[in-house]
Structure formats: C-alpha cells, structure tokens
C-alpha cells in the first residue's frame, strides 16, 4: 500500500485523511471513545439539544436540556483536545516526510 503524503494532496484529501485519523483514534483511545459515546447518548436522549446543534433550530430548552448542552460543550472541548494533539503529530510526521523528500534530512 502506497503511503499518502499530505504535501502532495489537495484539501479534500487532507480533510479525508484527518477524518480517518479521528475515526482511527476513536477506536484506539478508550477515553476518547467514552467521551464520544457520552456525546451520542446526549444527542439521542435530548432532541431539542440535537436540533440546536445540528440544525441550528432554536427551541426553548428546559433546565435539564441546558445542563446537557453545557455538558455536551465540555465533552466536545475534551474531544477537541485529543483531536488537536493527534493532528499535531500527524503534521509533525508529514513535515518529516516533506523534509526528507526535499533532501533536507537523511
């Protein structure tokens, strides 16, 4: 299998590669999977929160739904921290291959 190099691909392929890393990360990191499962559970159990997040529909939220929205935001912030770290290391790896391809390192 040929390795895809980020510096040789367009933004669509770049986004696909990043998304595939997120999926891979979800299966490999148990803490991330737990956070993702919690997000899914909230979205399934609170349709008004789901409508607000996904469809930008503004409905009145009751107190419990507001608490779930706050929890959802916190969970997403934690997940983003994991994703950002993974994307950082993906970029570092790609820099290595780019510099190697340019014969700047051996």
C-alpha atoms as a PDB file:
ATOM      1  CA  UNK A   1       0.000   0.000   0.000  1.00  0.00           C
ATOM      2  CA  UNK A   2       1.404   3.367  -1.017  1.00  0.00           C
ATOM      3  CA  UNK A   3       1.647   5.946   1.730  1.00  0.00           C
ATOM      4  CA  UNK A   4      -0.274   9.185   1.076  1.00  0.00           C
ATOM      5  CA  UNK A   5       1.816  12.279   1.719  1.00  0.00           C
ATOM      6  CA  UNK A   6      -0.117  15.350   2.842  1.00  0.00           C
ATOM      7  CA  UNK A   7       2.078  17.791   0.986  1.00  0.00           C
ATOM      8  CA  UNK A   8       1.152  16.063  -2.292  1.00  0.00           C
ATOM      9  CA  UNK A   9      -2.642  16.156  -1.898  1.00  0.00           C
ATOM     10  CA  UNK A  10      -5.411  18.740  -2.116  1.00  0.00           C
ATOM     11  CA  UNK A  11      -7.560  19.968   0.761  1.00  0.00           C
ATOM     12  CA  UNK A  12     -10.338  17.424   0.109  1.00  0.00           C
ATOM     13  CA  UNK A  13      -7.900  14.559   0.544  1.00  0.00           C
ATOM     14  CA  UNK A  14      -6.349  16.330   3.537  1.00  0.00           C
ATOM     15  CA  UNK A  15      -9.756  16.589   5.230  1.00  0.00           C
ATOM     16  CA  UNK A  16     -10.409  12.928   4.448  1.00  0.00           C
ATOM     17  CA  UNK A  17      -7.096  11.915   5.971  1.00  0.00           C
ATOM     18  CA  UNK A  18      -7.786  13.955   9.112  1.00  0.00           C
ATOM     19  CA  UNK A  19     -11.273  12.428   9.383  1.00  0.00           C
ATOM     20  CA  UNK A  20      -9.823   8.934   9.000  1.00  0.00           C
ATOM     21  CA  UNK A  21      -7.380   9.732  11.822  1.00  0.00           C
ATOM     22  CA  UNK A  22     -10.316  10.809  14.011  1.00  0.00           C
ATOM     23  CA  UNK A  23     -12.102   7.521  13.307  1.00  0.00           C
ATOM     24  CA  UNK A  24      -8.948   5.533  13.962  1.00  0.00           C
ATOM     25  CA  UNK A  25      -8.384   7.494  17.164  1.00  0.00           C
ATOM     26  CA  UNK A  26     -11.959   6.785  18.300  1.00  0.00           C
ATOM     27  CA  UNK A  27     -11.282   3.053  18.060  1.00  0.00           C
ATOM     28  CA  UNK A  28      -7.826   3.123  19.637  1.00  0.00           C
ATOM     29  CA  UNK A  29      -8.278   5.564  22.536  1.00  0.00           C
ATOM     30  CA  UNK A  30     -10.726   4.313  25.164  1.00  0.00           C
ATOM     31  CA  UNK A  31     -11.097   7.701  26.871  1.00  0.00           C
ATOM     32  CA  UNK A  32     -11.936   9.374  23.558  1.00  0.00           C
ATOM     33  CA  UNK A  33     -14.428   6.602  22.761  1.00  0.00           C
ATOM     34  CA  UNK A  34     -16.059   7.083  26.164  1.00  0.00           C
ATOM     35  CA  UNK A  35     -16.417  10.833  25.502  1.00  0.00           C
ATOM     36  CA  UNK A  36     -17.816  10.162  22.034  1.00  0.00           C
ATOM     37  CA  UNK A  37     -20.330   7.667  23.411  1.00  0.00           C
ATOM     38  CA  UNK A  38     -21.476  10.223  26.005  1.00  0.00           C
ATOM     39  CA  UNK A  39     -21.985  12.807  23.264  1.00  0.00           C
ATOM     40  CA  UNK A  40     -24.036  10.310  21.240  1.00  0.00           C
ATOM     41  CA  UNK A  41     -26.163   9.434  24.245  1.00  0.00           C
ATOM     42  CA  UNK A  42     -26.952  13.106  24.926  1.00  0.00           C
ATOM     43  CA  UNK A  43     -27.825  13.711  21.287  1.00  0.00           C
ATOM     44  CA  UNK A  44     -30.137  10.677  21.243  1.00  0.00           C
ATOM     45  CA  UNK A  45     -31.884  11.499  24.520  1.00  0.00           C
ATOM     46  CA  UNK A  46     -32.308  15.262  24.060  1.00  0.00           C
ATOM     47  CA  UNK A  47     -33.855  16.066  20.666  1.00  0.00           C
ATOM     48  CA  UNK A  48     -34.050  19.826  21.371  1.00  0.00           C
ATOM     49  CA  UNK A  49     -30.292  19.890  22.038  1.00  0.00           C
ATOM     50  CA  UNK A  50     -29.716  17.864  18.870  1.00  0.00           C
ATOM     51  CA  UNK A  51     -31.876  20.290  16.846  1.00  0.00           C
ATOM     52  CA  UNK A  52     -29.939  23.244  18.238  1.00  0.00           C
ATOM     53  CA  UNK A  53     -26.530  21.731  17.495  1.00  0.00           C
ATOM     54  CA  UNK A  54     -27.151  20.080  14.127  1.00  0.00           C
ATOM     55  CA  UNK A  55     -29.968  22.091  12.551  1.00  0.00           C
ATOM     56  CA  UNK A  56     -29.461  25.458  14.273  1.00  0.00           C
ATOM     57  CA  UNK A  57     -33.114  25.306  15.331  1.00  0.00           C
ATOM     58  CA  UNK A  58     -33.716  27.495  18.323  1.00  0.00           C
ATOM     59  CA  UNK A  59     -36.272  25.987  20.694  1.00  0.00           C
ATOM     60  CA  UNK A  60     -36.822  26.694  24.339  1.00  0.00           C
ATOM     61  CA  UNK A  61     -34.606  24.457  26.412  1.00  0.00           C
ATOM     62  CA  UNK A  62     -35.666  23.414  29.865  1.00  0.00           C
ATOM     63  CA  UNK A  63     -33.197  23.400  32.752  1.00  0.00           C
ATOM     64  CA  UNK A  64     -32.162  19.778  32.201  1.00  0.00           C
ATOM     65  CA  UNK A  65     -31.591  20.391  28.478  1.00  0.00           C
ATOM     66  CA  UNK A  66     -29.473  23.445  29.309  1.00  0.00           C
ATOM     67  CA  UNK A  67     -27.364  21.319  31.648  1.00  0.00           C
ATOM     68  CA  UNK A  68     -26.959  18.702  28.921  1.00  0.00           C
ATOM     69  CA  UNK A  69     -25.942  21.403  26.440  1.00  0.00           C
ATOM     70  CA  UNK A  70     -23.278  22.577  28.905  1.00  0.00           C
ATOM     71  CA  UNK A  71     -22.098  19.002  29.375  1.00  0.00           C
ATOM     72  CA  UNK A  72     -22.032  18.497  25.613  1.00  0.00           C
ATOM     73  CA  UNK A  73     -19.842  21.568  25.174  1.00  0.00           C
ATOM     74  CA  UNK A  74     -17.427  20.325  27.853  1.00  0.00           C
ATOM     75  CA  UNK A  75     -17.269  16.881  26.262  1.00  0.00           C
ATOM     76  CA  UNK A  76     -16.605  18.379  22.842  1.00  0.00           C
ATOM     77  CA  UNK A  77     -13.820  20.540  24.273  1.00  0.00           C
ATOM     78  CA  UNK A  78     -12.166  17.452  25.764  1.00  0.00           C
ATOM     79  CA  UNK A  79     -12.543  15.572  22.473  1.00  0.00           C
ATOM     80  CA  UNK A  80     -11.074  18.513  20.564  1.00  0.00           C
ATOM     81  CA  UNK A  81      -8.015  18.426  22.825  1.00  0.00           C
ATOM     82  CA  UNK A  82      -7.431  14.779  21.882  1.00  0.00           C
ATOM     83  CA  UNK A  83      -8.041  15.508  18.175  1.00  0.00           C
ATOM     84  CA  UNK A  84      -5.764  18.557  18.132  1.00  0.00           C
ATOM     85  CA  UNK A  85      -2.939  16.551  19.664  1.00  0.00           C
ATOM     86  CA  UNK A  86      -3.392  13.768  17.120  1.00  0.00           C
ATOM     87  CA  UNK A  87      -3.482  16.237  14.214  1.00  0.00           C
ATOM     88  CA  UNK A  88      -0.362  17.962  15.569  1.00  0.00           C
ATOM     89  CA  UNK A  89       1.556  14.680  15.499  1.00  0.00           C
ATOM     90  CA  UNK A  90       0.166  13.895  12.049  1.00  0.00           C
ATOM     91  CA  UNK A  91       1.529  17.253  10.874  1.00  0.00           C
ATOM     92  CA  UNK A  92       4.894  16.602  12.522  1.00  0.00           C
ATOM     93  CA  UNK A  93       5.132  13.245  10.748  1.00  0.00           C
ATOM     94  CA  UNK A  94       4.260  14.880   7.438  1.00  0.00           C
ATOM     95  CA  UNK A  95       6.933  17.543   7.988  1.00  0.00           C
ATOM     96  CA  UNK A  96       9.468  14.782   8.458  1.00  0.00           C
ATOM     97  CA  UNK A  97       8.495  13.151   5.137  1.00  0.00           C
ATOM     98  CA  UNK A  98       8.425  16.525   3.387  1.00  0.00           C
ATOM     99  CA  UNK A  99      11.918  17.450   4.615  1.00  0.00           C
ATOM    100  CA  UNK A 100      13.176  14.001   3.715  1.00  0.00           C
ATOM    101  CA  UNK A 101      11.683  14.324   0.221  1.00  0.00           C
ATOM    102  CA  UNK A 102      13.419  17.699  -0.155  1.00  0.00           C
ATOM    103  CA  UNK A 103      16.703  16.059   0.918  1.00  0.00           C
ATOM    104  CA  UNK A 104      16.935  18.384   3.905  1.00  0.00           C
ATOM    105  CA  UNK A 105      17.303  15.422   6.262  1.00  0.00           C
ATOM    106  CA  UNK A 106      18.554  11.883   5.800  1.00  0.00           C
END
